Amino acid sequence: MPPEINSGDTAWMLAAAALVMFMTPGLGFFYAGFTRSKNVLGTIMQSFIVVGLVGVLWVLIGYTLAFGPTEGGIIGNLSFIGFKDVGIIPDDKAVVGNVTWGPTIPHEAFAIFQAMFAIITPALITGAFAERAKFSTFLVFMLVWSTIVYDPVAHWVWGSGGWLGLVPEANGDVGIKALDFAGGTVVHINAGVAALVAAVLYGKRHGCGRDPT
């Protein structure tokens, strides 16, 4: 029997995706409150532009690298490049410990839900170099970091077959290599380490505390 879509599960996934999406512009306003007035709009714009920039990148290549069939537990292959074969059919092969996109929700719903985390994670880093990075540099960094850092780490922990993820055991139980509670590894540790490195490399904000404007 083909898998059936559960309307309640799907509605909740889409609602949860919307809630995470609202966090990203909210993050921009939060970071803007820590900058001088001349940099407020630029700081807000960084978070807003990430929604579009990383959103497009996710559709083109990010999703398949993070959640495509694994290549040695390190990275996903290109099966879903450009959202190829990402449709409304639930995953009829999904079992506990080897879930790809879920047995009761459309593949598209899962991909959009995961897109929200792919967007907000690099946006979290921007607070570490607020008032210090050129906008063009910021754009390049977001594209590169999302592709070579976020996508592989997301695959390690969340992707089917990732080397840090859940693994089925012979007795039917699930083995855990790494417990990622509420995105603690993929989102928070990942962004936190990047932010720390950025803050160290950029150094202090020039004039901060002396120039109120």
N, C-alpha and C. Protein backbone atom coordinates (compact mmCIF):
# COMPACT_ATOMS: atom_id res chain seq x y z
N MET A 1 0.85 -1.20 0.00
CA MET A 1 0.00 0.00 0.00
C MET A 1 0.89 1.25 0.00
N PRO A 2 0.65 2.21 -0.89
CA PRO A 2 1.46 3.43 -0.92
C PRO A 2 1.25 4.25 0.35
N PRO A 3 2.25 5.00 0.75
CA PRO A 3 2.11 5.81 1.97
C PRO A 3 1.06 6.89 1.80
N GLU A 4 0.39 7.24 2.89
CA GLU A 4 -0.65 8.26 2.85
C GLU A 4 -0.21 9.50 3.62
N ILE A 5 -0.58 10.64 3.11
CA ILE A 5 -0.26 11.91 3.76
C ILE A 5 -1.21 12.13 4.93
N ASN A 6 -0.66 12.46 6.09
CA ASN A 6 -1.47 12.79 7.26
C ASN A 6 -1.60 14.31 7.30
N SER A 7 -2.82 14.80 7.21
CA SER A 7 -3.05 16.24 7.13
C SER A 7 -2.60 16.96 8.40
N GLY A 8 -2.79 16.31 9.55
CA GLY A 8 -2.36 16.94 10.81
C GLY A 8 -0.85 17.07 10.89
N ASP A 9 -0.14 16.00 10.54
CA ASP A 9 1.32 16.04 10.55
C ASP A 9 1.84 17.10 9.59
N THR A 10 1.23 17.16 8.40
CA THR A 10 1.67 18.12 7.39
C THR A 10 1.41 19.56 7.84
N ALA A 11 0.24 19.80 8.41
CA ALA A 11 -0.10 21.14 8.87
C ALA A 11 0.86 21.60 9.97
N TRP A 12 1.21 20.69 10.87
CA TRP A 12 2.12 21.06 11.94
C TRP A 12 3.53 21.35 11.40
N MET A 13 4.00 20.55 10.45
CA MET A 13 5.32 20.79 9.87
C MET A 13 5.37 22.15 9.18
N LEU A 14 4.32 22.50 8.45
CA LEU A 14 4.30 23.79 7.76
C LEU A 14 4.19 24.94 8.76
N ALA A 15 3.40 24.76 9.82
CA ALA A 15 3.29 25.79 10.85
C ALA A 15 4.62 25.98 11.56
N ALA A 16 5.30 24.87 11.87
CA ALA A 16 6.60 24.95 12.52
C ALA A 16 7.62 25.63 11.62
N ALA A 17 7.56 25.34 10.32
CA ALA A 17 8.47 25.99 9.37
C ALA A 17 8.24 27.50 9.35
N ALA A 18 6.97 27.92 9.39
CA ALA A 18 6.66 29.35 9.40
C ALA A 18 7.18 30.02 10.67
N LEU A 19 7.06 29.34 11.80
CA LEU A 19 7.54 29.91 13.06
C LEU A 19 9.05 30.11 13.03
N VAL A 20 9.78 29.15 12.49
CA VAL A 20 11.23 29.29 12.39
C VAL A 20 11.59 30.40 11.41
N MET A 21 10.83 30.51 10.32
CA MET A 21 11.10 31.56 9.35
C MET A 21 10.98 32.95 9.98
N PHE A 22 9.97 33.13 10.84
CA PHE A 22 9.78 34.43 11.49
C PHE A 22 10.94 34.76 12.44
N MET A 23 11.66 33.75 12.89
CA MET A 23 12.79 34.00 13.79
C MET A 23 13.92 34.74 13.09
N THR A 24 14.07 34.53 11.77
CA THR A 24 15.22 35.12 11.07
C THR A 24 15.13 36.63 10.98
N PRO A 25 14.04 37.22 10.49
CA PRO A 25 13.95 38.69 10.54
C PRO A 25 13.95 39.21 11.98
N GLY A 26 13.36 38.44 12.90
CA GLY A 26 13.41 38.84 14.30
C GLY A 26 14.83 38.93 14.81
N LEU A 27 15.67 38.01 14.35
CA LEU A 27 17.08 38.03 14.70
C LEU A 27 17.75 39.30 14.20
N GLY A 28 17.34 39.74 13.00
CA GLY A 28 17.90 40.97 12.45
C GLY A 28 17.60 42.18 13.32
N PHE A 29 16.36 42.27 13.80
CA PHE A 29 15.99 43.38 14.68
C PHE A 29 16.73 43.27 16.02
N PHE A 30 16.91 42.05 16.49
CA PHE A 30 17.63 41.85 17.75
C PHE A 30 19.07 42.34 17.64
N TYR A 31 19.75 41.91 16.58
CA TYR A 31 21.15 42.33 16.39
C TYR A 31 21.25 43.83 16.14
N ALA A 32 20.26 44.38 15.43
CA ALA A 32 20.29 45.82 15.15
C ALA A 32 20.26 46.64 16.43
N GLY A 33 19.64 46.11 17.47
CA GLY A 33 19.59 46.82 18.74
C GLY A 33 20.93 46.94 19.43
N PHE A 34 21.91 46.19 18.96
CA PHE A 34 23.25 46.25 19.55
C PHE A 34 24.23 47.06 18.70
N THR A 35 23.72 47.69 17.64
CA THR A 35 24.60 48.47 16.77
C THR A 35 24.29 49.95 16.86
N ARG A 36 25.19 50.76 16.33
CA ARG A 36 24.96 52.20 16.28
C ARG A 36 23.93 52.52 15.20
N SER A 37 23.31 53.69 15.32
CA SER A 37 22.19 54.03 14.45
C SER A 37 22.56 53.99 12.97
N LYS A 38 23.79 54.33 12.62
CA LYS A 38 24.18 54.34 11.20
C LYS A 38 24.27 52.94 10.61
N ASN A 39 24.31 51.92 11.46
CA ASN A 39 24.45 50.55 10.96
C ASN A 39 23.21 49.70 11.17
N VAL A 40 22.14 50.30 11.68
CA VAL A 40 20.93 49.54 11.99
C VAL A 40 20.36 48.89 10.74
N LEU A 41 20.15 49.68 9.68
CA LEU A 41 19.52 49.14 8.47
C LEU A 41 20.39 48.07 7.82
N GLY A 42 21.70 48.29 7.82
CA GLY A 42 22.60 47.31 7.24
C GLY A 42 22.56 45.99 7.98
N THR A 43 22.47 46.06 9.31
CA THR A 43 22.42 44.85 10.12
C THR A 43 21.10 44.10 9.91
N ILE A 44 20.00 44.85 9.84
CA ILE A 44 18.71 44.21 9.57
C ILE A 44 18.71 43.57 8.19
N MET A 45 19.29 44.29 7.21
CA MET A 45 19.29 43.78 5.84
C MET A 45 20.06 42.47 5.73
N GLN A 46 21.09 42.29 6.54
CA GLN A 46 21.86 41.05 6.48
C GLN A 46 20.99 39.84 6.79
N SER A 47 20.16 39.95 7.81
CA SER A 47 19.28 38.83 8.15
C SER A 47 18.20 38.62 7.10
N PHE A 48 17.65 39.71 6.58
CA PHE A 48 16.59 39.58 5.58
C PHE A 48 17.12 38.99 4.28
N ILE A 49 18.32 39.41 3.86
CA ILE A 49 18.85 38.91 2.60
C ILE A 49 19.21 37.44 2.68
N VAL A 50 19.53 36.95 3.89
CA VAL A 50 19.86 35.54 4.05
C VAL A 50 18.66 34.66 3.70
N VAL A 51 17.44 35.14 3.98
CA VAL A 51 16.24 34.35 3.68
C VAL A 51 16.19 34.01 2.19
N GLY A 52 16.42 35.01 1.35
CA GLY A 52 16.38 34.78 -0.09
C GLY A 52 17.61 34.08 -0.60
N LEU A 53 18.78 34.50 -0.13
CA LEU A 53 20.04 33.97 -0.63
C LEU A 53 20.19 32.48 -0.32
N VAL A 54 20.07 32.12 0.94
CA VAL A 54 20.24 30.73 1.33
C VAL A 54 19.03 29.90 0.90
N GLY A 55 17.85 30.53 0.83
CA GLY A 55 16.68 29.82 0.35
C GLY A 55 16.87 29.29 -1.07
N VAL A 56 17.38 30.14 -1.95
CA VAL A 56 17.65 29.72 -3.33
C VAL A 56 18.76 28.68 -3.37
N LEU A 57 19.81 28.91 -2.58
CA LEU A 57 20.92 27.96 -2.53
C LEU A 57 20.45 26.59 -2.05
N TRP A 58 19.53 26.58 -1.11
CA TRP A 58 19.00 25.32 -0.56
C TRP A 58 18.28 24.51 -1.64
N VAL A 59 17.47 25.21 -2.43
CA VAL A 59 16.75 24.53 -3.50
C VAL A 59 17.72 23.99 -4.55
N LEU A 60 18.71 24.78 -4.91
CA LEU A 60 19.63 24.39 -5.98
C LEU A 60 20.52 23.22 -5.58
N ILE A 61 21.17 23.32 -4.41
CA ILE A 61 22.15 22.28 -4.06
C ILE A 61 22.20 21.94 -2.58
N GLY A 62 21.76 22.85 -1.72
CA GLY A 62 21.89 22.62 -0.28
C GLY A 62 21.13 21.41 0.21
N TYR A 63 19.87 21.26 -0.22
CA TYR A 63 19.06 20.16 0.29
C TYR A 63 19.63 18.81 -0.10
N THR A 64 20.08 18.69 -1.32
CA THR A 64 20.60 17.38 -1.74
C THR A 64 21.91 17.04 -1.04
N LEU A 65 22.74 18.05 -0.73
CA LEU A 65 23.98 17.78 0.00
C LEU A 65 23.70 17.38 1.44
N ALA A 66 22.64 17.94 2.02
CA ALA A 66 22.33 17.64 3.42
C ALA A 66 21.49 16.38 3.58
N PHE A 67 20.54 16.15 2.65
CA PHE A 67 19.58 15.07 2.85
C PHE A 67 19.49 14.09 1.69
N GLY A 68 20.36 14.22 0.72
CA GLY A 68 20.40 13.24 -0.34
C GLY A 68 20.98 11.93 0.18
N PRO A 69 20.81 10.83 -0.58
CA PRO A 69 21.42 9.55 -0.19
C PRO A 69 22.90 9.72 0.10
N THR A 70 23.36 9.11 1.19
CA THR A 70 24.69 9.41 1.71
C THR A 70 25.82 8.88 0.84
N GLU A 71 26.90 9.60 0.88
CA GLU A 71 28.16 9.16 0.28
C GLU A 71 29.15 8.96 1.41
N GLY A 72 29.20 7.73 1.92
CA GLY A 72 30.13 7.40 2.99
C GLY A 72 29.81 8.03 4.32
N GLY A 73 28.56 8.48 4.53
CA GLY A 73 28.19 9.11 5.79
C GLY A 73 28.68 10.54 5.93
N ILE A 74 29.30 11.08 4.88
CA ILE A 74 29.91 12.40 4.96
C ILE A 74 29.06 13.47 4.30
N ILE A 75 28.50 13.18 3.15
CA ILE A 75 27.75 14.18 2.39
C ILE A 75 26.69 13.47 1.57
N GLY A 76 25.61 14.19 1.27
CA GLY A 76 24.57 13.63 0.41
C GLY A 76 24.97 13.74 -1.05
N ASN A 77 24.45 12.84 -1.87
CA ASN A 77 24.77 12.92 -3.29
C ASN A 77 23.84 13.92 -3.98
N LEU A 78 23.87 13.95 -5.29
CA LEU A 78 23.13 14.98 -6.03
C LEU A 78 21.77 14.49 -6.54
N SER A 79 21.20 13.50 -5.89
CA SER A 79 19.91 12.96 -6.34
C SER A 79 18.79 14.00 -6.33
N PHE A 80 18.85 14.96 -5.39
CA PHE A 80 17.78 15.95 -5.25
C PHE A 80 18.21 17.33 -5.73
N ILE A 81 19.24 17.41 -6.57
CA ILE A 81 19.73 18.71 -7.02
C ILE A 81 18.62 19.49 -7.73
N GLY A 82 18.49 20.77 -7.39
CA GLY A 82 17.42 21.58 -7.95
C GLY A 82 16.04 21.10 -7.56
N PHE A 83 15.93 20.43 -6.42
CA PHE A 83 14.68 19.83 -5.92
C PHE A 83 14.15 18.75 -6.88
N LYS A 84 15.05 18.11 -7.59
CA LYS A 84 14.65 17.01 -8.48
C LYS A 84 14.05 15.88 -7.63
N ASP A 85 12.90 15.39 -8.03
CA ASP A 85 12.20 14.29 -7.36
C ASP A 85 11.75 14.64 -5.94
N VAL A 86 11.75 15.91 -5.60
CA VAL A 86 11.21 16.33 -4.30
C VAL A 86 9.75 16.71 -4.53
N GLY A 87 8.85 15.78 -4.28
CA GLY A 87 7.44 15.99 -4.57
C GLY A 87 6.57 15.86 -3.35
N ILE A 88 5.33 15.42 -3.56
CA ILE A 88 4.37 15.33 -2.46
C ILE A 88 4.29 13.93 -1.87
N ILE A 89 5.01 12.98 -2.44
CA ILE A 89 4.89 11.60 -1.98
C ILE A 89 5.68 11.40 -0.68
N PRO A 90 5.04 10.88 0.37
CA PRO A 90 5.78 10.55 1.60
C PRO A 90 6.80 9.45 1.35
N ASP A 91 7.71 9.28 2.27
CA ASP A 91 8.77 8.28 2.14
C ASP A 91 8.27 6.93 2.63
N ASP A 92 8.02 6.01 1.72
CA ASP A 92 7.50 4.71 2.13
C ASP A 92 8.57 3.78 2.69
N LYS A 93 9.83 4.23 2.67
CA LYS A 93 10.92 3.41 3.22
C LYS A 93 11.37 3.92 4.58
N ALA A 94 10.74 4.98 5.08
CA ALA A 94 11.16 5.58 6.34
C ALA A 94 10.86 4.66 7.50
N VAL A 95 11.87 4.36 8.28
CA VAL A 95 11.71 3.56 9.50
C VAL A 95 12.48 4.26 10.60
N VAL A 96 12.18 3.92 11.85
CA VAL A 96 12.87 4.54 12.98
C VAL A 96 14.37 4.28 12.85
N GLY A 97 15.14 5.33 12.96
CA GLY A 97 16.58 5.20 12.85
C GLY A 97 17.10 5.38 11.44
N ASN A 98 16.20 5.45 10.46
CA ASN A 98 16.65 5.65 9.09
C ASN A 98 15.63 6.51 8.34
N VAL A 99 15.14 7.52 9.02
CA VAL A 99 14.11 8.38 8.44
C VAL A 99 14.76 9.35 7.46
N THR A 100 14.20 9.45 6.27
CA THR A 100 14.68 10.46 5.34
C THR A 100 13.78 11.68 5.45
N TRP A 101 12.56 11.60 4.88
CA TRP A 101 11.69 12.76 5.04
C TRP A 101 10.36 12.44 5.70
N GLY A 102 10.16 11.23 6.15
CA GLY A 102 8.99 10.92 6.95
C GLY A 102 7.90 10.18 6.20
N PRO A 103 7.23 9.26 6.86
CA PRO A 103 6.22 8.42 6.21
C PRO A 103 4.83 9.03 6.11
N THR A 104 4.60 10.20 6.71
CA THR A 104 3.25 10.76 6.73
C THR A 104 3.16 12.18 6.21
N ILE A 105 4.27 12.74 5.74
CA ILE A 105 4.26 14.12 5.23
C ILE A 105 4.86 14.17 3.83
N PRO A 106 4.46 15.15 3.02
CA PRO A 106 5.06 15.29 1.70
C PRO A 106 6.56 15.58 1.80
N HIS A 107 7.30 15.08 0.84
CA HIS A 107 8.73 15.35 0.78
C HIS A 107 8.99 16.85 0.76
N GLU A 108 8.17 17.58 0.01
CA GLU A 108 8.34 19.04 -0.09
C GLU A 108 8.20 19.72 1.26
N ALA A 109 7.25 19.26 2.08
CA ALA A 109 7.05 19.87 3.40
C ALA A 109 8.28 19.70 4.27
N PHE A 110 8.86 18.51 4.23
CA PHE A 110 10.08 18.26 5.01
C PHE A 110 11.22 19.14 4.52
N ALA A 111 11.37 19.25 3.18
CA ALA A 111 12.45 20.05 2.62
C ALA A 111 12.32 21.52 2.99
N ILE A 112 11.09 22.04 3.01
CA ILE A 112 10.87 23.43 3.38
C ILE A 112 11.13 23.64 4.87
N PHE A 113 10.71 22.70 5.69
CA PHE A 113 10.98 22.79 7.13
C PHE A 113 12.48 22.85 7.39
N GLN A 114 13.24 21.99 6.74
CA GLN A 114 14.69 21.98 6.92
C GLN A 114 15.34 23.23 6.33
N ALA A 115 14.72 23.82 5.32
CA ALA A 115 15.25 25.06 4.73
C ALA A 115 15.30 26.17 5.76
N MET A 116 14.33 26.20 6.66
CA MET A 116 14.29 27.27 7.66
C MET A 116 15.50 27.22 8.59
N PHE A 117 15.97 26.02 8.91
CA PHE A 117 17.16 25.89 9.76
C PHE A 117 18.42 26.23 8.97
N ALA A 118 18.41 25.87 7.69
CA ALA A 118 19.55 26.22 6.84
C ALA A 118 19.68 27.73 6.70
N ILE A 119 18.56 28.44 6.79
CA ILE A 119 18.57 29.90 6.67
C ILE A 119 18.97 30.57 7.98
N ILE A 120 18.39 30.13 9.08
CA ILE A 120 18.64 30.86 10.33
C ILE A 120 20.03 30.57 10.90
N THR A 121 20.62 29.43 10.57
CA THR A 121 21.93 29.10 11.13
C THR A 121 23.01 30.09 10.68
N PRO A 122 23.19 30.36 9.39
CA PRO A 122 24.18 31.38 9.02
C PRO A 122 23.78 32.78 9.49
N ALA A 123 22.46 33.03 9.58
CA ALA A 123 22.03 34.34 10.07
C ALA A 123 22.47 34.57 11.52
N LEU A 124 22.55 33.50 12.31
CA LEU A 124 23.00 33.63 13.69
C LEU A 124 24.43 34.17 13.78
N ILE A 125 25.23 33.87 12.77
CA ILE A 125 26.64 34.26 12.80
C ILE A 125 26.81 35.76 12.63
N THR A 126 25.86 36.43 12.00
CA THR A 126 26.05 37.83 11.63
C THR A 126 26.27 38.74 12.83
N GLY A 127 25.77 38.37 13.99
CA GLY A 127 25.99 39.20 15.17
C GLY A 127 27.45 39.30 15.56
N ALA A 128 28.26 38.33 15.12
CA ALA A 128 29.68 38.33 15.48
C ALA A 128 30.49 39.33 14.68
N PHE A 129 29.98 39.73 13.51
CA PHE A 129 30.73 40.72 12.73
C PHE A 129 29.86 41.91 12.33
N ALA A 130 28.85 42.19 13.14
CA ALA A 130 28.01 43.37 12.90
C ALA A 130 28.88 44.62 12.91
N GLU A 131 28.66 45.50 11.96
CA GLU A 131 29.38 46.77 11.80
C GLU A 131 30.81 46.59 11.29
N ARG A 132 31.21 45.37 10.97
CA ARG A 132 32.62 45.18 10.59
C ARG A 132 32.82 44.55 9.23
N ALA A 133 31.80 43.96 8.64
CA ALA A 133 31.97 43.26 7.37
C ALA A 133 31.31 44.02 6.22
N LYS A 134 32.01 44.08 5.09
CA LYS A 134 31.40 44.65 3.89
C LYS A 134 30.26 43.74 3.43
N PHE A 135 29.25 44.35 2.81
CA PHE A 135 28.09 43.57 2.42
C PHE A 135 28.45 42.51 1.37
N SER A 136 29.32 42.86 0.44
CA SER A 136 29.74 41.89 -0.57
C SER A 136 30.48 40.71 0.07
N THR A 137 31.31 41.00 1.05
CA THR A 137 32.02 39.94 1.78
C THR A 137 31.03 39.06 2.52
N PHE A 138 30.05 39.69 3.12
CA PHE A 138 29.01 38.96 3.83
C PHE A 138 28.28 37.98 2.91
N LEU A 139 27.91 38.41 1.72
CA LEU A 139 27.20 37.56 0.77
C LEU A 139 28.03 36.34 0.38
N VAL A 140 29.29 36.57 0.07
CA VAL A 140 30.17 35.47 -0.32
C VAL A 140 30.34 34.49 0.84
N PHE A 141 30.52 35.02 2.04
CA PHE A 141 30.69 34.16 3.21
C PHE A 141 29.46 33.29 3.42
N MET A 142 28.27 33.87 3.32
CA MET A 142 27.04 33.11 3.54
C MET A 142 26.92 31.95 2.55
N LEU A 143 27.23 32.22 1.29
CA LEU A 143 27.14 31.18 0.26
C LEU A 143 28.14 30.06 0.51
N VAL A 144 29.37 30.43 0.78
CA VAL A 144 30.43 29.44 0.96
C VAL A 144 30.22 28.65 2.24
N TRP A 145 29.96 29.35 3.34
CA TRP A 145 29.81 28.66 4.63
C TRP A 145 28.62 27.70 4.62
N SER A 146 27.52 28.14 4.05
CA SER A 146 26.33 27.29 4.00
C SER A 146 26.61 26.00 3.23
N THR A 147 27.40 26.10 2.17
CA THR A 147 27.66 24.95 1.31
C THR A 147 28.70 24.00 1.88
N ILE A 148 29.79 24.54 2.39
CA ILE A 148 30.90 23.65 2.79
C ILE A 148 30.93 23.34 4.28
N VAL A 149 30.09 24.03 5.06
CA VAL A 149 30.05 23.76 6.50
C VAL A 149 28.67 23.27 6.92
N TYR A 150 27.64 24.09 6.72
CA TYR A 150 26.32 23.71 7.22
C TYR A 150 25.79 22.42 6.59
N ASP A 151 25.83 22.35 5.28
CA ASP A 151 25.24 21.19 4.59
C ASP A 151 25.88 19.87 5.01
N PRO A 152 27.22 19.76 5.05
CA PRO A 152 27.81 18.50 5.50
C PRO A 152 27.48 18.17 6.95
N VAL A 153 27.51 19.15 7.85
CA VAL A 153 27.23 18.88 9.26
C VAL A 153 25.77 18.45 9.42
N ALA A 154 24.86 19.08 8.69
CA ALA A 154 23.45 18.67 8.74
C ALA A 154 23.31 17.22 8.27
N HIS A 155 24.08 16.84 7.27
CA HIS A 155 24.01 15.45 6.79
C HIS A 155 24.57 14.49 7.83
N TRP A 156 25.67 14.88 8.47
CA TRP A 156 26.28 13.99 9.49
C TRP A 156 25.27 13.61 10.56
N VAL A 157 24.49 14.59 11.02
CA VAL A 157 23.62 14.38 12.18
C VAL A 157 22.19 14.03 11.78
N TRP A 158 21.63 14.73 10.79
CA TRP A 158 20.22 14.57 10.44
C TRP A 158 19.99 13.74 9.20
N GLY A 159 20.96 13.67 8.30
CA GLY A 159 20.76 12.96 7.05
C GLY A 159 20.74 11.45 7.26
N SER A 160 20.03 10.77 6.38
CA SER A 160 19.96 9.31 6.44
C SER A 160 21.33 8.72 6.13
N GLY A 161 21.90 8.02 7.11
CA GLY A 161 23.22 7.42 6.92
C GLY A 161 24.37 8.28 7.36
N GLY A 162 24.11 9.48 7.89
CA GLY A 162 25.18 10.35 8.37
C GLY A 162 25.95 9.71 9.50
N TRP A 163 27.23 9.94 9.56
CA TRP A 163 28.09 9.19 10.50
C TRP A 163 27.85 9.55 11.97
N LEU A 164 27.15 10.65 12.24
CA LEU A 164 26.83 11.01 13.62
C LEU A 164 25.37 10.80 13.96
N GLY A 165 24.58 10.28 13.05
CA GLY A 165 23.14 10.22 13.24
C GLY A 165 22.66 8.95 13.91
N LEU A 166 21.34 8.77 13.88
CA LEU A 166 20.71 7.58 14.42
C LEU A 166 21.02 6.37 13.53
N VAL A 167 21.21 5.23 14.14
CA VAL A 167 21.49 4.02 13.37
C VAL A 167 20.62 2.87 13.88
N PRO A 168 19.99 2.12 12.97
CA PRO A 168 19.19 0.97 13.41
C PRO A 168 20.08 -0.16 13.88
N GLU A 169 19.65 -0.86 14.93
CA GLU A 169 20.42 -1.99 15.45
C GLU A 169 19.71 -3.30 15.12
N ALA A 170 20.42 -4.39 15.26
CA ALA A 170 19.91 -5.70 14.86
C ALA A 170 18.64 -6.09 15.61
N ASN A 171 18.52 -5.66 16.87
CA ASN A 171 17.36 -6.03 17.67
C ASN A 171 16.17 -5.08 17.49
N GLY A 172 16.30 -4.17 16.55
CA GLY A 172 15.20 -3.25 16.29
C GLY A 172 15.29 -1.94 17.03
N ASP A 173 16.23 -1.83 17.99
CA ASP A 173 16.40 -0.57 18.71
C ASP A 173 17.17 0.43 17.84
N VAL A 174 17.32 1.62 18.39
CA VAL A 174 18.03 2.67 17.67
C VAL A 174 19.28 3.05 18.44
N GLY A 175 20.41 3.00 17.76
CA GLY A 175 21.65 3.45 18.38
C GLY A 175 21.86 4.93 18.10
N ILE A 176 22.43 5.63 19.06
CA ILE A 176 22.64 7.07 18.91
C ILE A 176 24.13 7.35 18.96
N LYS A 177 24.65 7.92 17.89
CA LYS A 177 26.04 8.32 17.87
C LYS A 177 26.21 9.72 18.46
N ALA A 178 25.27 10.61 18.16
CA ALA A 178 25.30 11.96 18.70
C ALA A 178 23.86 12.41 18.94
N LEU A 179 23.58 12.93 20.12
CA LEU A 179 22.24 13.41 20.44
C LEU A 179 22.17 14.90 20.16
N ASP A 180 21.46 15.25 19.10
CA ASP A 180 21.34 16.65 18.70
C ASP A 180 20.01 17.17 19.23
N PHE A 181 20.03 17.73 20.42
CA PHE A 181 18.79 18.20 21.05
C PHE A 181 18.44 19.59 20.55
N ALA A 182 17.29 19.71 19.89
CA ALA A 182 16.79 21.01 19.40
C ALA A 182 17.79 21.72 18.51
N GLY A 183 18.52 20.95 17.72
CA GLY A 183 19.48 21.56 16.80
C GLY A 183 20.75 22.02 17.47
N GLY A 184 21.04 21.49 18.64
CA GLY A 184 22.20 21.96 19.39
C GLY A 184 23.53 21.81 18.67
N THR A 185 23.66 20.77 17.86
CA THR A 185 24.90 20.56 17.12
C THR A 185 24.86 21.25 15.77
N VAL A 186 23.87 20.92 14.96
CA VAL A 186 23.81 21.41 13.59
C VAL A 186 23.64 22.93 13.54
N VAL A 187 22.84 23.47 14.43
CA VAL A 187 22.55 24.91 14.41
C VAL A 187 23.45 25.68 15.37
N HIS A 188 23.38 25.37 16.65
CA HIS A 188 23.97 26.25 17.65
C HIS A 188 25.48 26.09 17.79
N ILE A 189 25.97 24.88 17.90
CA ILE A 189 27.43 24.70 17.97
C ILE A 189 28.06 25.13 16.66
N ASN A 190 27.43 24.75 15.57
CA ASN A 190 27.94 25.08 14.25
C ASN A 190 28.07 26.60 14.07
N ALA A 191 26.99 27.32 14.34
CA ALA A 191 27.02 28.77 14.20
C ALA A 191 27.90 29.43 15.25
N GLY A 192 27.89 28.88 16.46
CA GLY A 192 28.69 29.47 17.54
C GLY A 192 30.17 29.43 17.27
N VAL A 193 30.65 28.30 16.76
CA VAL A 193 32.08 28.20 16.44
C VAL A 193 32.45 29.17 15.32
N ALA A 194 31.59 29.25 14.29
CA ALA A 194 31.85 30.17 13.19
C ALA A 194 31.85 31.62 13.68
N ALA A 195 30.92 31.95 14.56
CA ALA A 195 30.83 33.31 15.09
C ALA A 195 32.06 33.65 15.93
N LEU A 196 32.53 32.70 16.72
CA LEU A 196 33.73 32.93 17.53
C LEU A 196 34.94 33.21 16.65
N VAL A 197 35.11 32.40 15.62
CA VAL A 197 36.23 32.59 14.70
C VAL A 197 36.12 33.95 14.01
N ALA A 198 34.92 34.32 13.57
CA ALA A 198 34.71 35.60 12.90
C ALA A 198 35.03 36.77 13.83
N ALA A 199 34.58 36.67 15.08
CA ALA A 199 34.83 37.75 16.04
C ALA A 199 36.32 37.92 16.31
N VAL A 200 37.04 36.81 16.39
CA VAL A 200 38.49 36.87 16.63
C VAL A 200 39.21 37.49 15.44
N LEU A 201 38.82 37.07 14.24
CA LEU A 201 39.50 37.57 13.04
C LEU A 201 39.19 39.04 12.77
N TYR A 202 37.94 39.45 12.99
CA TYR A 202 37.58 40.84 12.74
C TYR A 202 38.06 41.77 13.84
N GLY A 203 38.11 41.29 15.06
CA GLY A 203 38.52 42.13 16.18
C GLY A 203 37.41 43.07 16.64
N LYS A 204 37.77 44.05 17.43
CA LYS A 204 36.79 44.97 18.00
C LYS A 204 36.21 45.90 16.95
N ARG A 205 34.99 46.37 17.24
CA ARG A 205 34.36 47.35 16.36
C ARG A 205 35.03 48.71 16.57
N HIS A 206 35.46 49.33 15.49
CA HIS A 206 36.12 50.62 15.58
C HIS A 206 35.13 51.71 16.00
N GLY A 207 35.45 52.41 17.04
CA GLY A 207 34.62 53.51 17.50
C GLY A 207 33.47 53.11 18.37
N CYS A 208 33.28 51.82 18.60
CA CYS A 208 32.15 51.38 19.42
C CYS A 208 32.34 51.85 20.86
N GLY A 209 31.33 52.50 21.42
CA GLY A 209 31.41 53.02 22.78
C GLY A 209 31.86 54.47 22.81
N ARG A 210 32.46 54.95 21.70
CA ARG A 210 32.89 56.35 21.64
C ARG A 210 32.09 57.15 20.63
N ASP A 211 31.61 56.46 19.60
CA ASP A 211 30.83 57.11 18.55
C ASP A 211 29.40 56.61 18.62
N PRO A 212 28.49 57.36 19.26
CA PRO A 212 27.11 56.87 19.46
C PRO A 212 26.29 56.78 18.19
N THR A 213 26.72 57.43 17.11
CA THR A 213 25.95 57.42 15.88
C THR A 213 26.45 56.37 14.92
